[in-house]
N, C-alpha and C. Protein backbone atom coordinates (compact mmCIF):
# COMPACT_ATOMS: atom_id res chain seq x y z
N MET A 1 170.98 150.82 136.10
CA MET A 1 170.17 149.79 135.70
C MET A 1 170.74 148.91 134.99
N LYS A 2 172.11 148.83 134.71
CA LYS A 2 173.44 147.80 134.15
C LYS A 2 173.07 147.01 135.48
N SER A 3 173.86 147.52 137.10
CA SER A 3 173.63 146.92 137.96
C SER A 3 172.63 146.11 138.34
N MET A 4 171.04 147.03 137.75
CA MET A 4 169.89 146.02 138.66
C MET A 4 169.78 144.56 137.87
N LEU A 5 170.39 144.57 136.26
CA LEU A 5 170.16 143.90 135.23
C LEU A 5 171.03 142.74 135.44
N THR A 6 172.48 142.83 136.00
CA THR A 6 173.59 142.06 136.51
C THR A 6 173.09 141.03 137.50
N ILE A 7 172.16 141.67 138.93
CA ILE A 7 171.95 141.11 140.12
C ILE A 7 170.74 140.10 138.99
N ALA A 8 169.72 140.56 138.60
CA ALA A 8 168.88 140.03 137.92
C ALA A 8 169.38 138.56 137.13
N TRP A 9 170.44 139.10 136.40
CA TRP A 9 170.44 137.53 135.67
C TRP A 9 170.99 136.58 136.11
N LYS A 10 172.03 137.12 137.64
CA LYS A 10 172.84 136.68 138.55
C LYS A 10 171.78 135.50 139.00
N GLU A 11 170.60 135.99 139.37
CA GLU A 11 169.66 135.47 140.04
C GLU A 11 168.81 134.31 139.46
N ILE A 12 168.54 134.84 138.23
CA ILE A 12 168.07 133.84 137.23
C ILE A 12 168.84 132.40 136.99
N ARG A 13 170.08 132.59 136.69
CA ARG A 13 171.08 131.67 136.67
C ARG A 13 171.02 130.88 137.94
N THR A 14 171.14 131.33 138.83
CA THR A 14 171.22 130.69 139.95
C THR A 14 169.87 129.61 140.57
N TYR A 15 168.76 130.34 140.17
CA TYR A 15 167.08 129.56 140.06
C TYR A 15 167.56 128.31 139.58
N PHE A 16 167.63 128.69 137.96
CA PHE A 16 167.49 127.47 137.14
C PHE A 16 168.32 126.46 137.30
N SER A 17 169.78 126.91 137.74
CA SER A 17 170.44 125.64 138.19
C SER A 17 170.38 125.08 139.23
N SER A 18 169.26 124.81 139.73
CA SER A 18 168.97 124.16 141.35
C SER A 18 167.56 123.23 140.99
N PRO A 19 167.58 122.01 141.29
CA PRO A 19 166.46 121.42 141.26
C PRO A 19 165.52 122.40 141.62
N MET A 20 165.28 122.77 142.44
CA MET A 20 164.48 123.33 143.36
C MET A 20 163.53 123.98 142.34
N ALA A 21 164.04 125.08 141.15
CA ALA A 21 163.13 125.30 140.38
C ALA A 21 162.43 124.79 139.53
N TYR A 22 162.92 123.56 139.60
CA TYR A 22 162.23 122.22 138.45
C TYR A 22 160.94 121.74 139.30
N VAL A 23 161.33 121.92 140.68
CA VAL A 23 160.17 121.06 141.49
C VAL A 23 159.50 121.61 141.55
N VAL A 24 159.35 123.14 142.33
CA VAL A 24 158.40 124.34 142.48
C VAL A 24 157.56 124.24 140.87
N SER A 25 158.51 124.48 139.92
CA SER A 25 157.65 124.71 138.66
C SER A 25 156.77 123.58 138.11
N ALA A 26 156.76 122.82 138.63
CA ALA A 26 156.13 121.10 137.63
C ALA A 26 155.04 121.22 138.93
N VAL A 27 155.08 121.01 140.34
CA VAL A 27 154.12 121.25 141.27
C VAL A 27 153.05 122.70 140.88
N PHE A 28 153.63 123.55 140.51
CA PHE A 28 152.99 124.35 140.16
C PHE A 28 151.95 124.17 138.69
N LEU A 29 152.78 123.52 137.82
CA LEU A 29 152.13 123.22 136.60
C LEU A 29 150.61 121.46 136.97
N ALA A 30 151.60 121.07 137.77
CA ALA A 30 150.92 120.13 137.88
C ALA A 30 148.73 120.50 138.81
N ILE A 31 149.80 121.31 139.13
CA ILE A 31 148.03 121.73 140.28
C ILE A 31 147.17 122.45 139.26
N THR A 32 147.84 123.65 138.61
CA THR A 32 147.14 124.34 137.64
C THR A 32 146.29 123.28 136.64
N GLY A 33 147.40 121.99 135.78
CA GLY A 33 146.94 120.93 135.09
C GLY A 33 145.29 120.76 135.52
N TYR A 34 145.43 120.15 137.01
CA TYR A 34 144.42 119.22 137.44
C TYR A 34 143.26 120.66 137.41
N LEU A 35 142.90 121.90 137.80
CA LEU A 35 142.10 122.64 137.89
C LEU A 35 141.91 122.70 136.56
N PHE A 36 142.69 123.10 135.39
CA PHE A 36 142.26 123.06 133.97
C PHE A 36 141.49 122.00 134.03
N VAL A 37 141.81 120.57 133.95
CA VAL A 37 141.07 119.70 133.85
C VAL A 37 139.46 119.56 134.74
N ARG A 38 139.91 120.33 135.12
CA ARG A 38 138.57 120.12 136.18
C ARG A 38 137.22 120.76 135.64
N SER A 39 137.70 122.20 135.25
CA SER A 39 136.96 123.42 134.71
C SER A 39 136.41 123.12 133.41
N VAL A 40 137.05 122.29 132.81
CA VAL A 40 136.21 121.43 131.47
C VAL A 40 135.67 120.45 131.41
N SER A 41 135.88 119.73 132.48
CA SER A 41 135.26 118.50 132.94
C SER A 41 133.99 118.76 133.53
N SER A 42 133.04 120.03 133.96
CA SER A 42 132.21 120.29 134.53
C SER A 42 130.90 119.96 133.70
N PRO A 43 129.99 119.63 134.44
CA PRO A 43 128.48 119.60 133.39
C PRO A 43 128.75 120.61 132.50
N PHE A 44 128.61 121.94 132.77
CA PHE A 44 128.32 122.86 131.86
C PHE A 44 130.00 123.95 131.58
N PRO A 45 130.85 123.11 130.97
CA PRO A 45 131.95 123.79 130.51
C PRO A 45 132.43 125.06 129.75
N GLU A 46 133.48 125.31 129.95
CA GLU A 46 133.47 126.78 129.12
C GLU A 46 134.67 127.05 128.21
N ALA A 47 135.23 127.41 127.70
CA ALA A 47 135.93 127.67 126.36
C ALA A 47 137.13 129.19 127.34
N SER A 48 137.37 128.69 128.66
CA SER A 48 137.70 130.07 128.88
C SER A 48 138.96 129.31 129.94
N VAL A 49 139.92 130.36 130.36
CA VAL A 49 140.47 130.10 131.11
C VAL A 49 140.37 130.07 132.19
N ARG A 50 139.01 131.09 132.37
CA ARG A 50 138.60 132.08 134.04
C ARG A 50 138.06 130.75 135.01
N GLY A 51 138.17 129.12 134.32
CA GLY A 51 137.76 128.44 135.70
C GLY A 51 138.69 127.84 137.05
N TRP A 52 139.94 127.61 135.56
CA TRP A 52 141.20 127.58 136.37
C TRP A 52 141.95 128.40 137.23
N MET A 53 141.77 129.38 136.64
CA MET A 53 143.02 130.67 137.10
C MET A 53 142.52 131.64 138.46
N LEU A 54 140.64 131.07 138.68
CA LEU A 54 140.06 131.46 139.46
C LEU A 54 140.49 131.22 141.10
N ASP A 55 140.54 129.69 140.60
CA ASP A 55 141.18 128.72 142.18
C ASP A 55 142.58 128.54 141.73
N GLY A 56 143.23 129.33 140.71
CA GLY A 56 144.46 128.94 140.99
C GLY A 56 145.47 130.29 141.54
N THR A 57 144.81 131.25 142.19
CA THR A 57 145.05 132.35 142.28
C THR A 57 145.70 132.26 143.79
N ILE A 58 145.49 131.11 144.63
CA ILE A 58 145.59 130.70 145.73
C ILE A 58 146.96 129.94 146.21
N LEU A 59 147.39 129.43 144.74
CA LEU A 59 148.52 128.64 144.59
C LEU A 59 149.54 129.84 144.80
N PHE A 60 149.17 130.86 144.56
CA PHE A 60 151.06 132.04 145.12
C PHE A 60 150.82 132.74 145.93
N VAL A 61 149.66 132.64 147.01
CA VAL A 61 150.03 132.07 148.67
C VAL A 61 151.08 131.72 148.92
N LEU A 62 151.15 130.40 148.44
CA LEU A 62 152.65 129.89 149.16
C LEU A 62 153.69 129.29 148.26
N TRP A 63 153.45 129.95 146.41
CA TRP A 63 154.42 129.61 146.02
C TRP A 63 155.22 130.91 145.63
N SER A 64 155.05 131.76 145.72
CA SER A 64 155.92 133.39 145.54
C SER A 64 156.48 133.56 147.07
N PRO A 65 155.91 133.35 148.29
CA PRO A 65 156.84 133.20 149.56
C PRO A 65 158.04 132.22 149.01
N VAL A 66 157.81 130.73 148.33
CA VAL A 66 159.04 130.21 148.34
C VAL A 66 159.78 130.35 147.53
N LEU A 67 159.08 131.19 146.27
CA LEU A 67 160.07 131.56 145.13
C LEU A 67 161.11 132.81 145.72
N THR A 68 160.48 133.55 146.88
CA THR A 68 161.35 134.82 146.48
C THR A 68 161.90 134.62 148.53
N MET A 69 162.27 133.63 148.98
CA MET A 69 162.24 134.10 150.44
C MET A 69 163.75 134.03 150.55
N ARG A 70 164.37 133.01 149.53
CA ARG A 70 166.05 133.52 149.36
C ARG A 70 166.30 134.84 148.92
N LEU A 71 166.10 135.17 148.49
CA LEU A 71 166.70 136.59 147.70
C LEU A 71 167.46 137.36 148.05
N LEU A 72 166.56 137.94 149.53
CA LEU A 72 167.69 138.43 150.61
C LEU A 72 168.39 138.24 151.56
N SER A 73 166.96 137.13 152.53
CA SER A 73 167.36 136.46 153.34
C SER A 73 168.89 135.76 153.61
N GLU A 74 169.28 134.67 151.97
CA GLU A 74 170.68 134.15 151.58
C GLU A 74 171.50 135.20 151.75
N GLU A 75 171.13 136.45 151.16
CA GLU A 75 172.15 137.68 151.25
C GLU A 75 172.90 137.64 152.63
N GLN A 76 171.86 138.35 153.37
CA GLN A 76 172.61 138.88 154.46
C GLN A 76 172.62 137.45 155.80
N LYS A 77 172.48 135.98 155.62
CA LYS A 77 172.72 135.08 156.30
C LYS A 77 174.41 134.59 155.33
N MET A 78 174.92 134.87 154.26
CA MET A 78 176.13 134.71 153.89
C MET A 78 176.66 135.96 154.24
N GLY A 79 176.37 137.01 154.27
CA GLY A 79 177.35 138.14 154.41
C GLY A 79 177.33 138.78 153.67
N THR A 80 177.30 138.40 152.42
CA THR A 80 176.83 138.95 151.05
C THR A 80 176.79 140.41 150.59
N LEU A 81 175.24 140.33 151.45
CA LEU A 81 174.64 141.73 151.52
C LEU A 81 175.35 142.80 151.97
N GLU A 82 176.22 142.62 153.03
CA GLU A 82 176.97 143.94 153.30
C GLU A 82 178.01 145.01 152.15
N LEU A 83 178.47 143.08 151.49
CA LEU A 83 179.66 143.26 150.43
C LEU A 83 178.85 144.36 149.09
N LEU A 84 177.31 144.00 148.89
CA LEU A 84 176.50 144.44 147.53
C LEU A 84 175.93 145.99 148.07
N MET A 85 175.96 146.40 149.78
CA MET A 85 175.40 147.72 150.07
C MET A 85 176.70 148.54 149.68
N THR A 86 177.89 147.77 150.13
CA THR A 86 179.28 149.12 150.33
C THR A 86 179.57 149.08 148.98
N SER A 87 179.13 148.14 147.58
CA SER A 87 180.11 148.70 146.60
C SER A 87 178.81 149.53 146.05
N PRO A 88 179.76 149.78 144.94
CA PRO A 88 178.68 151.26 143.92
C PRO A 88 177.12 150.58 143.26
N VAL A 89 176.75 150.43 144.48
CA VAL A 89 175.54 149.96 143.62
C VAL A 89 174.44 150.09 144.64
N HIS A 90 172.62 150.86 144.14
CA HIS A 90 172.30 151.31 144.58
C HIS A 90 171.42 150.67 145.70
N ASP A 91 170.70 150.83 146.53
CA ASP A 91 169.43 150.05 147.17
C ASP A 91 168.39 149.28 146.18
N TYR A 92 168.54 150.43 145.65
CA TYR A 92 166.55 150.31 144.66
C TYR A 92 167.14 149.11 143.88
N ALA A 93 168.54 149.38 143.46
CA ALA A 93 168.94 148.55 142.18
C ALA A 93 168.97 146.97 142.68
N ILE A 94 169.27 146.79 143.93
CA ILE A 94 169.31 146.12 144.30
C ILE A 94 167.96 144.56 144.61
N VAL A 95 167.16 145.84 145.13
CA VAL A 95 165.47 145.16 145.51
C VAL A 95 164.73 144.49 143.77
N LEU A 96 165.11 146.31 142.81
CA LEU A 96 164.66 145.97 141.59
C LEU A 96 165.28 144.13 140.72
N GLY A 97 166.36 144.35 141.33
CA GLY A 97 167.20 143.29 140.29
C GLY A 97 166.42 142.00 141.10
N LYS A 98 166.62 141.57 142.13
CA LYS A 98 166.38 140.35 142.56
C LYS A 98 164.29 140.66 142.55
N PHE A 99 163.47 141.42 142.26
CA PHE A 99 162.51 141.78 142.14
C PHE A 99 162.35 140.94 140.46
N LEU A 100 162.76 141.76 139.67
CA LEU A 100 162.75 141.27 138.62
C LEU A 100 163.22 139.78 137.84
N ALA A 101 164.10 139.40 138.62
CA ALA A 101 164.74 137.49 138.54
C ALA A 101 163.22 136.98 138.49
N ALA A 102 162.51 137.11 140.01
CA ALA A 102 161.51 136.41 140.10
C ALA A 102 160.68 136.81 139.73
N PHE A 103 160.41 137.54 138.81
CA PHE A 103 159.04 137.98 137.89
C PHE A 103 159.35 137.41 136.56
N VAL A 104 160.39 137.20 136.34
CA VAL A 104 161.22 136.79 134.94
C VAL A 104 160.85 135.00 135.38
N ILE A 105 161.11 134.42 136.64
CA ILE A 105 160.85 133.08 136.90
C ILE A 105 159.15 132.66 136.63
N LEU A 106 158.68 134.04 137.25
CA LEU A 106 157.25 133.36 137.49
C LEU A 106 156.36 133.78 135.79
N ALA A 107 157.09 134.59 134.79
CA ALA A 107 156.30 134.84 133.76
C ALA A 107 156.93 133.58 132.74
N VAL A 108 157.87 133.00 132.99
CA VAL A 108 158.57 131.60 132.52
C VAL A 108 157.21 130.50 132.25
N THR A 109 157.20 130.37 134.33
CA THR A 109 156.33 129.22 135.01
C THR A 109 154.93 129.54 134.18
N ILE A 110 154.38 130.86 133.82
CA ILE A 110 153.35 130.78 133.89
C ILE A 110 152.78 130.95 132.12
N SER A 111 154.03 131.13 131.71
CA SER A 111 153.76 130.75 130.01
C SER A 111 153.91 129.41 129.40
N MET A 112 154.01 128.74 130.93
CA MET A 112 153.96 127.20 130.15
C MET A 112 152.35 126.95 129.72
N THR A 113 151.45 127.86 130.99
CA THR A 113 150.16 127.16 131.30
C THR A 113 149.27 127.40 129.84
N LEU A 114 150.45 128.29 128.82
CA LEU A 114 149.48 128.93 127.56
C LEU A 114 148.96 127.46 126.85
N PHE A 115 149.60 126.15 127.07
CA PHE A 115 149.43 124.98 126.85
C PHE A 115 147.80 124.60 126.93
N TYR A 116 147.44 125.11 128.18
CA TYR A 116 145.86 124.83 128.29
C TYR A 116 145.06 125.84 126.82
N THR A 117 145.40 127.31 126.73
CA THR A 117 145.01 127.80 125.87
C THR A 117 144.63 127.48 124.42
N ILE A 118 145.69 126.60 124.11
CA ILE A 118 146.11 125.89 122.52
C ILE A 118 145.11 124.68 122.98
N PHE A 119 145.13 124.00 123.82
CA PHE A 119 144.29 123.29 124.08
C PHE A 119 142.58 123.10 123.91
N LEU A 120 142.08 124.17 124.28
CA LEU A 120 140.90 124.53 124.48
C LEU A 120 140.54 125.00 122.49
N PHE A 121 141.33 125.71 122.16
CA PHE A 121 141.16 126.05 120.51
C PHE A 121 140.66 124.93 119.92
N PHE A 122 141.51 123.35 119.78
CA PHE A 122 141.35 122.34 119.41
C PHE A 122 139.37 121.68 119.63
N PHE A 123 139.61 122.19 120.76
CA PHE A 123 137.50 121.47 121.38
C PHE A 123 136.68 122.79 121.32
N GLY A 124 137.18 123.83 121.20
CA GLY A 124 136.03 124.94 120.74
C GLY A 124 136.39 126.13 120.44
N GLN A 125 136.04 127.61 120.88
CA GLN A 125 135.99 128.73 120.09
C GLN A 125 136.17 129.59 120.51
N PRO A 126 137.15 129.79 121.73
CA PRO A 126 137.40 130.43 122.84
C PRO A 126 137.90 132.11 122.50
N ASP A 127 137.21 132.63 123.42
CA ASP A 127 137.55 134.23 122.53
C ASP A 127 139.21 134.69 123.29
N ILE A 128 139.62 135.50 122.12
CA ILE A 128 140.83 135.63 122.83
C ILE A 128 141.32 136.97 123.62
N GLY A 129 140.45 137.61 123.31
CA GLY A 129 140.31 138.92 123.89
C GLY A 129 140.39 138.71 125.41
N PRO A 130 139.39 138.39 126.31
CA PRO A 130 138.83 137.60 127.63
C PRO A 130 139.90 136.88 127.96
N MET A 131 140.98 135.87 127.15
CA MET A 131 141.92 135.14 127.79
C MET A 131 143.57 136.10 128.06
N LEU A 132 143.58 137.31 127.18
CA LEU A 132 144.48 137.94 127.44
C LEU A 132 144.25 139.01 128.38
N ALA A 133 143.06 139.07 128.76
CA ALA A 133 142.79 140.07 130.08
C ALA A 133 142.77 139.33 131.12
N ALA A 134 142.73 137.97 131.09
CA ALA A 134 142.86 137.13 132.33
C ALA A 134 144.92 137.10 132.93
N TYR A 135 145.21 136.61 131.61
CA TYR A 135 146.63 136.73 131.69
C TYR A 135 147.41 137.98 132.16
N LEU A 136 147.15 138.74 131.68
CA LEU A 136 147.41 139.68 132.15
C LEU A 136 147.04 140.45 133.56
N GLY A 137 145.87 140.04 134.17
CA GLY A 137 145.56 140.18 135.49
C GLY A 137 146.19 138.90 136.00
N LEU A 138 146.58 137.53 136.01
CA LEU A 138 147.29 136.91 136.47
C LEU A 138 148.90 137.19 136.70
N MET A 139 149.35 137.73 135.69
CA MET A 139 150.86 138.90 136.06
C MET A 139 150.88 139.53 136.85
N LEU A 140 150.11 140.40 136.59
CA LEU A 140 149.93 141.71 137.97
C LEU A 140 149.74 141.00 139.41
N TYR A 141 149.02 140.22 139.36
CA TYR A 141 148.40 139.68 140.82
C TYR A 141 149.62 138.98 140.90
N GLY A 142 150.24 138.28 140.08
CA GLY A 142 151.81 137.40 140.55
C GLY A 142 152.79 138.37 140.88
N ALA A 143 152.88 139.26 140.38
CA ALA A 143 153.81 140.59 140.52
C ALA A 143 153.55 141.15 142.09
N ALA A 144 152.57 141.23 142.32
CA ALA A 144 152.06 142.12 143.56
C ALA A 144 152.42 140.98 144.39
N THR A 145 152.06 139.88 144.60
CA THR A 145 152.41 138.63 145.34
C THR A 145 154.06 138.66 145.71
N LEU A 146 154.60 138.60 144.36
CA LEU A 146 156.31 138.74 144.61
C LEU A 146 156.37 139.81 145.52
N SER A 147 156.45 140.84 145.23
CA SER A 147 156.77 142.10 145.97
C SER A 147 156.94 141.75 147.06
N ILE A 148 155.75 141.70 147.92
CA ILE A 148 155.33 141.29 148.94
C ILE A 148 156.58 140.17 149.81
N GLY A 149 156.84 138.92 148.86
CA GLY A 149 157.71 137.87 149.04
C GLY A 149 159.35 138.83 149.45
N VAL A 150 159.55 139.88 148.42
CA VAL A 150 160.83 140.66 148.65
C VAL A 150 161.07 141.07 149.95
N LEU A 151 159.73 142.06 150.23
CA LEU A 151 159.90 142.72 151.46
C LEU A 151 159.72 141.72 152.61
N ALA A 152 159.44 140.36 152.44
CA ALA A 152 159.67 139.60 153.90
C ALA A 152 161.08 138.91 153.83
N SER A 153 161.32 138.76 152.97
CA SER A 153 162.94 137.98 152.32
C SER A 153 163.80 139.08 153.12
N SER A 154 163.66 140.75 152.91
CA SER A 154 164.64 141.83 153.67
C SER A 154 164.51 141.42 154.78
N LEU A 155 163.35 141.20 155.69
CA LEU A 155 163.35 141.09 157.14
C LEU A 155 163.84 140.40 157.83
N THR A 156 164.54 139.43 157.54
CA THR A 156 165.46 139.03 158.22
C THR A 156 166.27 137.71 157.23
N SER A 157 166.83 136.95 158.03
CA SER A 157 168.58 136.42 157.51
C SER A 157 167.75 135.03 157.27
N ASN A 158 166.70 134.41 157.46
CA ASN A 158 166.11 132.98 157.76
C ASN A 158 165.39 132.63 156.87
N GLN A 159 165.52 131.88 155.86
CA GLN A 159 164.87 131.78 154.50
C GLN A 159 162.86 131.19 155.22
N ILE A 160 163.26 130.30 155.79
CA ILE A 160 161.67 129.43 156.83
C ILE A 160 161.00 130.86 157.15
N ILE A 161 161.70 131.79 158.24
CA ILE A 161 161.24 132.84 158.38
C ILE A 161 160.32 133.76 157.30
N ALA A 162 161.08 133.88 156.49
CA ALA A 162 160.79 134.87 155.51
C ALA A 162 159.85 134.74 154.90
N ALA A 163 159.66 133.10 154.77
CA ALA A 163 158.67 132.25 153.76
C ALA A 163 157.43 132.67 154.56
N VAL A 164 157.29 132.44 155.93
CA VAL A 164 156.23 132.39 156.71
C VAL A 164 155.69 133.60 156.90
N ILE A 165 156.36 134.56 157.06
CA ILE A 165 156.11 136.11 157.04
C ILE A 165 154.89 136.63 155.27
N GLY A 166 155.70 136.39 154.35
CA GLY A 166 155.73 136.27 153.25
C GLY A 166 153.90 135.58 153.16
N PHE A 167 154.10 134.47 153.29
CA PHE A 167 152.65 133.25 153.10
C PHE A 167 151.40 134.30 154.31
N GLY A 168 151.83 134.68 156.24
CA GLY A 168 151.45 135.25 156.29
C GLY A 168 150.47 136.49 155.95
N ILE A 169 151.39 137.36 155.14
CA ILE A 169 150.92 139.06 154.78
C ILE A 169 149.94 138.12 153.56
N LEU A 170 150.21 137.13 152.58
CA LEU A 170 149.14 136.92 151.60
C LEU A 170 148.03 136.47 152.13
N LEU A 171 148.36 135.59 152.91
CA LEU A 171 147.11 135.15 153.34
C LEU A 171 145.85 135.64 153.85
N LEU A 172 146.65 137.25 154.51
CA LEU A 172 145.69 137.89 155.37
C LEU A 172 145.23 138.93 154.12
N LEU A 173 145.93 139.30 153.05
CA LEU A 173 145.34 139.79 151.60
C LEU A 173 144.35 139.39 150.89
N THR A 174 144.64 138.23 151.28
CA THR A 174 143.48 136.92 149.89
C THR A 174 142.03 136.55 150.85
N LEU A 175 142.25 136.75 152.46
CA LEU A 175 141.09 136.24 153.14
C LEU A 175 140.24 137.33 153.37
N LEU A 176 141.10 138.88 153.13
CA LEU A 176 140.02 139.89 153.05
C LEU A 176 138.58 139.97 151.92
N GLU A 177 138.74 138.99 150.67
CA GLU A 177 137.43 138.66 150.17
C GLU A 177 136.40 138.30 150.39
N GLN A 178 136.73 137.15 151.44
CA GLN A 178 135.34 136.64 152.91
C GLN A 178 135.20 136.96 153.60
N ALA A 179 135.97 138.03 154.46
CA ALA A 179 136.28 138.93 155.22
C ALA A 179 134.83 140.30 154.49
N ALA A 180 134.88 140.76 153.50
CA ALA A 180 133.88 141.42 152.92
C ALA A 180 132.64 140.78 152.75
N ASP A 181 133.04 139.68 152.58
CA ASP A 181 130.98 138.94 152.08
C ASP A 181 130.34 138.92 153.68
N VAL A 182 130.88 139.08 154.62
CA VAL A 182 130.48 138.74 155.53
C VAL A 182 129.79 140.35 156.22
N THR A 183 130.98 141.49 156.08
CA THR A 183 130.28 142.36 156.49
C THR A 183 129.33 143.37 155.37
N SER A 184 129.38 144.67 155.54
CA SER A 184 128.31 145.14 154.88
C SER A 184 128.76 146.39 154.84
N GLY A 185 128.12 147.80 153.68
CA GLY A 185 128.45 149.31 153.99
C GLY A 185 129.88 149.46 153.42
N GLN A 186 130.16 150.44 154.07
CA GLN A 186 131.83 150.89 154.07
C GLN A 186 132.61 150.26 154.30
N THR A 187 132.69 149.50 155.68
CA THR A 187 133.71 148.08 155.54
C THR A 187 134.00 146.91 154.63
N ALA A 188 132.85 146.61 154.07
CA ALA A 188 132.69 145.70 152.98
C ALA A 188 133.26 146.17 151.51
N TYR A 189 133.30 147.74 151.71
CA TYR A 189 133.77 147.95 150.47
C TYR A 189 135.39 148.64 150.18
N VAL A 190 135.84 148.93 151.68
CA VAL A 190 136.98 148.98 152.05
C VAL A 190 138.06 147.52 152.43
N LEU A 191 137.53 146.71 152.52
CA LEU A 191 137.70 145.22 152.68
C LEU A 191 137.85 144.80 151.18
N GLN A 192 137.17 145.03 150.47
CA GLN A 192 136.74 144.59 148.62
C GLN A 192 138.32 145.46 147.77
N GLN A 193 138.14 146.49 148.32
CA GLN A 193 139.44 147.50 147.55
C GLN A 193 140.63 146.99 147.69
N LEU A 194 141.01 146.24 148.92
CA LEU A 194 142.18 145.72 149.94
C LEU A 194 142.61 144.48 149.38
N SER A 195 141.90 143.94 148.97
CA SER A 195 141.90 142.40 148.80
C SER A 195 142.49 142.32 147.37
N LEU A 196 143.45 141.11 147.86
CA LEU A 196 144.16 140.61 146.00
C LEU A 196 143.31 139.97 145.23
N THR A 197 142.87 138.80 145.85
CA THR A 197 141.83 138.19 145.03
C THR A 197 140.74 139.13 144.16
N GLY A 198 140.15 139.65 145.10
CA GLY A 198 139.01 140.90 144.35
C GLY A 198 138.93 141.50 143.08
N HIS A 199 140.32 142.01 143.20
CA HIS A 199 140.76 142.89 142.13
C HIS A 199 141.00 141.81 140.98
N PHE A 200 140.67 140.81 141.28
CA PHE A 200 141.45 139.64 139.54
C PHE A 200 140.09 139.40 138.97
N LEU A 201 139.23 139.49 140.26
CA LEU A 201 137.69 138.54 139.40
C LEU A 201 137.22 139.57 137.90
N ASN A 202 137.77 140.74 138.23
CA ASN A 202 137.70 141.34 136.87
C ASN A 202 138.13 141.32 135.25
N PHE A 203 139.46 140.66 135.87
CA PHE A 203 140.57 140.25 134.64
C PHE A 203 140.04 138.84 134.26
N ALA A 204 139.47 138.26 135.42
CA ALA A 204 139.36 136.17 135.07
C ALA A 204 137.99 136.82 134.33
N GLN A 205 136.83 137.43 134.01
CA GLN A 205 135.61 137.76 133.42
C GLN A 205 136.42 138.59 131.73
N GLY A 206 137.64 138.96 131.65
CA GLY A 206 137.71 139.19 130.14
C GLY A 206 137.91 140.82 130.25
N VAL A 207 137.89 141.22 131.76
CA VAL A 207 137.53 143.38 131.79
C VAL A 207 139.25 143.27 132.30
N ILE A 208 139.65 144.56 131.75
CA ILE A 208 140.61 144.88 132.43
C ILE A 208 140.17 146.17 132.84
N ASP A 209 140.28 146.42 134.07
CA ASP A 209 139.55 147.42 134.99
C ASP A 209 140.67 148.25 135.17
N THR A 210 140.98 149.29 135.23
CA THR A 210 141.85 150.32 135.37
C THR A 210 142.51 150.37 136.73
N ASN A 211 141.06 150.27 137.92
CA ASN A 211 141.63 150.48 139.44
C ASN A 211 142.30 149.35 139.68
N SER A 212 142.04 148.12 139.09
CA SER A 212 142.55 146.88 139.11
C SER A 212 144.11 147.08 138.95
N VAL A 213 144.38 147.54 138.05
CA VAL A 213 145.87 147.41 137.37
C VAL A 213 146.61 148.48 138.47
N VAL A 214 145.61 149.73 138.76
CA VAL A 214 146.54 150.85 139.35
C VAL A 214 146.76 150.27 140.81
N TYR A 215 145.88 149.44 141.41
CA TYR A 215 146.15 148.42 142.76
C TYR A 215 146.79 147.69 142.67
N TYR A 216 146.99 146.89 141.75
CA TYR A 216 148.12 145.94 141.62
C TYR A 216 149.96 146.60 141.24
N LEU A 217 149.91 147.44 140.67
CA LEU A 217 151.04 148.17 140.59
C LEU A 217 151.54 149.12 141.99
N SER A 218 150.32 149.43 142.91
CA SER A 218 150.98 150.16 143.54
C SER A 218 151.16 149.09 144.76
N THR A 219 150.64 148.37 144.82
CA THR A 219 150.71 147.14 145.50
C THR A 219 152.56 146.90 145.26
N VAL A 220 152.83 146.66 144.02
CA VAL A 220 154.33 146.53 143.64
C VAL A 220 155.10 147.31 144.31
N LEU A 221 154.78 148.67 144.30
CA LEU A 221 155.39 149.70 144.00
C LEU A 221 155.76 150.09 146.21
N VAL A 222 154.68 149.81 146.50
CA VAL A 222 154.61 149.86 148.11
C VAL A 222 155.29 149.05 148.58
N PHE A 223 155.17 147.77 148.66
CA PHE A 223 155.93 146.71 149.17
C PHE A 223 157.82 146.95 148.59
N LEU A 224 157.79 147.04 147.37
CA LEU A 224 159.71 147.09 146.63
C LEU A 224 159.76 148.56 147.61
N PHE A 225 159.07 149.27 148.01
CA PHE A 225 159.55 150.74 148.83
C PHE A 225 160.41 150.62 150.08
N LEU A 226 159.32 149.74 150.24
CA LEU A 226 159.11 149.41 152.10
C LEU A 226 160.65 148.43 151.48
N ALA A 227 160.72 147.47 150.82
CA ALA A 227 161.76 146.88 151.25
C ALA A 227 163.36 147.35 151.11
N VAL A 228 163.55 148.98 150.15
CA VAL A 228 164.41 149.28 150.05
C VAL A 228 164.81 150.11 150.84
N ARG A 229 163.74 150.93 151.81
CA ARG A 229 163.84 151.02 152.89
C ARG A 229 164.15 150.62 154.37
N ASN A 230 164.08 149.29 153.81
CA ASN A 230 164.49 148.53 155.33
C ASN A 230 165.92 148.01 155.09
N LEU A 231 166.33 148.12 153.61
CA LEU A 231 167.53 148.37 153.29
C LEU A 231 168.79 149.17 153.77
N GLU A 232 167.93 150.17 153.69
CA GLU A 232 168.62 151.53 153.99
C GLU A 232 168.79 151.61 154.99
N SER A 233 167.74 150.75 156.23
CA SER A 233 167.93 151.13 157.54
C SER A 233 169.34 150.13 158.18
N ARG A 234 169.71 149.45 157.19
CA ARG A 234 170.48 148.10 157.77
C ARG A 234 171.73 149.30 157.55
N ARG A 235 171.67 149.87 157.03
CA ARG A 235 173.25 151.19 157.08
C ARG A 235 173.76 152.06 158.24
N TRP A 236 172.35 152.20 159.38
CA TRP A 236 172.36 152.76 160.53
C TRP A 236 172.72 151.62 161.75
N ARG A 237 172.31 150.63 161.44
CA ARG A 237 172.47 149.84 162.44
C ARG A 237 173.88 149.32 163.27
């Protein structure tokens, strides 16, 4: 646990000491801000965060790979990953530490969007329950996308390639919802269940669906497990 937290703290300090962190966060907030303004400026506006969140989830397809692309790939490129693996630190601690750092950065950035919620209370009477459910869903959704990015970062020493791999996997899992719409029967059901965005719809509507919670947590566990296994395989190369 201590080694995992040490790795996470190191990554967080490195991230926030780079101008890249503030640029990426600023772009994310600018786009979500635009989506929020558009949602409350529609002919029939709602005092909720559902409008901008449903459109904003697509940002994670690009944002999460950019956020995670350097976590393990840079360690491989600099040769420091071998040092970590030969030190008294478990492989899972390395992966979990990197993931925890990315999740903290994600949580900090998403917390800044609470300004939109505060803004709604000045001009309407929003229901706090559905908003909390939506933010819970967004955090789970973001965690799932980060775990995919961590796996992609463990596969290569090139940050750009890691970002492209993560982007490709996330785009595929996102497009499954559209694929489900043009199919029917059991195929449509399976595609819907595998879709990242499909499980977010209930949260956006203020419903905490246990199946969706299990789906996102399972996604995190599976992809982090694959990242750990990939690191373990390096010991035999």
